[in-house]
Amino acid sequence: MSKPSEKYAQDRPYAKPEAAAARLLEIAKTLRIDEGRMSIGEWNGTFLRGGGNVAEYTIGRDKLVADGIIQIHECGGFIMWKTAPVAGERSGTQPIP
């Protein structure tokens, strides 16, 4: 007699890089921009409070950097738009309203 399979772990909504990157992009669009920069602490804190974990944050952030959408400021405390979040809106490192 075998037991029905039990599921111990919950599905992670941001386990795939594309899903994590999409959520991080949504969050970034809501952040206050100061001199073209957005706070990483506010960005990742919002993601983590919304159900993501550190590994998911990292894969999402790395995907956005690799895709050329954001760049990390050299001090490591800020993110900046590298390209506009919607293709064709703007180019370069500019704040997006």
C-alpha atoms as a PDB file:
ATOM      1  CA  MET A   1       0.000   0.000   0.000  1.00  0.00           C
ATOM      2  CA  SER A   2       1.583   3.289  -1.054  1.00  0.00           C
ATOM      3  CA  LYS A   3       0.867   6.727   0.265  1.00  0.00           C
ATOM      4  CA  PRO A   4      -0.288   9.476  -2.061  1.00  0.00           C
ATOM      5  CA  SER A   5       2.539  11.814  -2.865  1.00  0.00           C
ATOM      6  CA  GLU A   6       2.773  14.690  -0.453  1.00  0.00           C
ATOM      7  CA  LYS A   7       3.853  18.130  -1.382  1.00  0.00           C
ATOM      8  CA  TYR A   8       6.100  19.717   1.233  1.00  0.00           C
ATOM      9  CA  ALA A   9       7.313  22.799  -0.570  1.00  0.00           C
ATOM     10  CA  GLN A  10       5.159  25.572  -1.955  1.00  0.00           C
ATOM     11  CA  ASP A  11       5.526  26.701  -5.526  1.00  0.00           C
ATOM     12  CA  ARG A  12       7.694  29.815  -5.723  1.00  0.00           C
ATOM     13  CA  PRO A  13       6.148  32.487  -7.963  1.00  0.00           C
ATOM     14  CA  TYR A  14       9.524  34.109  -8.695  1.00  0.00           C
ATOM     15  CA  ALA A  15      11.655  30.981  -9.078  1.00  0.00           C
ATOM     16  CA  LYS A  16      12.175  31.600 -12.802  1.00  0.00           C
ATOM     17  CA  PRO A  17      14.477  34.506 -13.723  1.00  0.00           C
ATOM     18  CA  GLU A  18      11.876  35.976 -16.080  1.00  0.00           C
ATOM     19  CA  ALA A  19       9.193  36.096 -13.367  1.00  0.00           C
ATOM     20  CA  ALA A  20      11.540  37.598 -10.773  1.00  0.00           C
ATOM     21  CA  ALA A  21      12.830  40.169 -13.280  1.00  0.00           C
ATOM     22  CA  ALA A  22       9.282  41.136 -14.266  1.00  0.00           C
ATOM     23  CA  ARG A  23       8.303  41.727 -10.620  1.00  0.00           C
ATOM     24  CA  LEU A  24      11.486  43.700  -9.927  1.00  0.00           C
ATOM     25  CA  LEU A  25      10.804  45.817 -12.994  1.00  0.00           C
ATOM     26  CA  GLU A  26       7.274  46.556 -11.746  1.00  0.00           C
ATOM     27  CA  ILE A  27       8.695  47.597  -8.374  1.00  0.00           C
ATOM     28  CA  ALA A  28      11.413  49.767  -9.954  1.00  0.00           C
ATOM     29  CA  LYS A  29       8.784  51.720 -11.889  1.00  0.00           C
ATOM     30  CA  THR A  30       7.208  52.782  -8.565  1.00  0.00           C
ATOM     31  CA  LEU A  31      10.389  53.911  -6.796  1.00  0.00           C
ATOM     32  CA  ARG A  32      11.341  57.509  -6.137  1.00  0.00           C
ATOM     33  CA  ILE A  33      14.146  58.617  -8.437  1.00  0.00           C
ATOM     34  CA  ASP A  34      16.806  60.873  -6.940  1.00  0.00           C
ATOM     35  CA  GLU A  35      19.376  62.238  -9.390  1.00  0.00           C
ATOM     36  CA  GLY A  36      18.642  59.353 -11.762  1.00  0.00           C
ATOM     37  CA  ARG A  37      19.128  56.701  -9.079  1.00  0.00           C
ATOM     38  CA  MET A  38      16.792  54.443  -7.118  1.00  0.00           C
ATOM     39  CA  SER A  39      17.609  52.893  -3.753  1.00  0.00           C
ATOM     40  CA  ILE A  40      18.516  49.206  -3.876  1.00  0.00           C
ATOM     41  CA  GLY A  41      17.357  48.827  -0.267  1.00  0.00           C
ATOM     42  CA  GLU A  42      13.876  50.032  -1.104  1.00  0.00           C
ATOM     43  CA  TRP A  43      13.836  47.905  -4.259  1.00  0.00           C
ATOM     44  CA  ASN A  44      14.894  44.598  -2.747  1.00  0.00           C
ATOM     45  CA  GLY A  45      12.987  45.222   0.495  1.00  0.00           C
ATOM     46  CA  THR A  46       9.742  45.617  -1.437  1.00  0.00           C
ATOM     47  CA  PHE A  47      10.477  42.418  -3.381  1.00  0.00           C
ATOM     48  CA  LEU A  48      11.264  40.429  -0.222  1.00  0.00           C
ATOM     49  CA  ARG A  49       8.184  41.711   1.645  1.00  0.00           C
ATOM     50  CA  GLY A  50       6.100  40.743  -1.395  1.00  0.00           C
ATOM     51  CA  GLY A  51       6.938  37.056  -1.107  1.00  0.00           C
ATOM     52  CA  GLY A  52      10.253  36.794  -2.956  1.00  0.00           C
ATOM     53  CA  ASN A  53      13.415  35.463  -1.370  1.00  0.00           C
ATOM     54  CA  VAL A  54      17.064  36.474  -1.697  1.00  0.00           C
ATOM     55  CA  ALA A  55      17.903  33.875  -4.366  1.00  0.00           C
ATOM     56  CA  GLU A  56      14.919  34.956  -6.478  1.00  0.00           C
ATOM     57  CA  TYR A  57      15.844  38.624  -6.048  1.00  0.00           C
ATOM     58  CA  THR A  58      19.391  37.858  -7.170  1.00  0.00           C
ATOM     59  CA  ILE A  59      18.387  35.949 -10.311  1.00  0.00           C
ATOM     60  CA  GLY A  60      15.869  38.635 -11.248  1.00  0.00           C
ATOM     61  CA  ARG A  61      18.343  41.469 -10.684  1.00  0.00           C
ATOM     62  CA  ASP A  62      21.059  39.672 -12.626  1.00  0.00           C
ATOM     63  CA  LYS A  63      18.668  39.098 -15.532  1.00  0.00           C
ATOM     64  CA  LEU A  64      17.750  42.806 -15.668  1.00  0.00           C
ATOM     65  CA  VAL A  65      21.454  43.738 -15.666  1.00  0.00           C
ATOM     66  CA  ALA A  66      22.305  41.127 -18.313  1.00  0.00           C
ATOM     67  CA  ASP A  67      19.405  42.295 -20.501  1.00  0.00           C
ATOM     68  CA  GLY A  68      20.702  45.874 -20.306  1.00  0.00           C
ATOM     69  CA  ILE A  69      17.606  47.270 -18.585  1.00  0.00           C
ATOM     70  CA  ILE A  70      19.253  48.465 -15.376  1.00  0.00           C
ATOM     71  CA  GLN A  71      22.738  49.063 -14.119  1.00  0.00           C
ATOM     72  CA  ILE A  72      24.051  49.023 -10.579  1.00  0.00           C
ATOM     73  CA  HIS A  73      25.685  52.264  -9.410  1.00  0.00           C
ATOM     74  CA  GLU A  74      29.391  51.838  -8.634  1.00  0.00           C
ATOM     75  CA  CYS A  75      28.744  52.350  -4.893  1.00  0.00           C
ATOM     76  CA  GLY A  76      26.352  49.364  -4.950  1.00  0.00           C
ATOM     77  CA  GLY A  77      23.538  51.199  -3.167  1.00  0.00           C
ATOM     78  CA  PHE A  78      21.528  52.331  -6.170  1.00  0.00           C
ATOM     79  CA  ILE A  79      20.098  51.115  -9.448  1.00  0.00           C
ATOM     80  CA  MET A  80      19.676  53.225 -12.556  1.00  0.00           C
ATOM     81  CA  TRP A  81      17.763  52.715 -15.770  1.00  0.00           C
ATOM     82  CA  LYS A  82      20.140  51.757 -18.540  1.00  0.00           C
ATOM     83  CA  THR A  83      17.345  51.657 -21.092  1.00  0.00           C
ATOM     84  CA  ALA A  84      13.688  52.550 -20.844  1.00  0.00           C
ATOM     85  CA  PRO A  85      11.454  49.793 -19.441  1.00  0.00           C
ATOM     86  CA  VAL A  86       9.274  50.019 -22.563  1.00  0.00           C
ATOM     87  CA  ALA A  87      11.170  49.704 -25.842  1.00  0.00           C
ATOM     88  CA  GLY A  88      11.319  52.917 -27.847  1.00  0.00           C
ATOM     89  CA  GLU A  89      10.382  55.315 -25.021  1.00  0.00           C
ATOM     90  CA  ARG A  90      13.850  56.681 -24.265  1.00  0.00           C
ATOM     91  CA  SER A  91      17.416  55.613 -24.501  1.00  0.00           C
ATOM     92  CA  GLY A  92      20.385  56.023 -22.218  1.00  0.00           C
ATOM     93  CA  THR A  93      20.538  56.218 -18.462  1.00  0.00           C
ATOM     94  CA  GLN A  94      17.578  58.435 -17.685  1.00  0.00           C
ATOM     95  CA  PRO A  95      14.979  58.541 -14.966  1.00  0.00           C
ATOM     96  CA  ILE A  96      11.631  57.191 -16.087  1.00  0.00           C
ATOM     97  CA  PRO A  97       8.590  59.092 -14.722  1.00  0.00           C
END
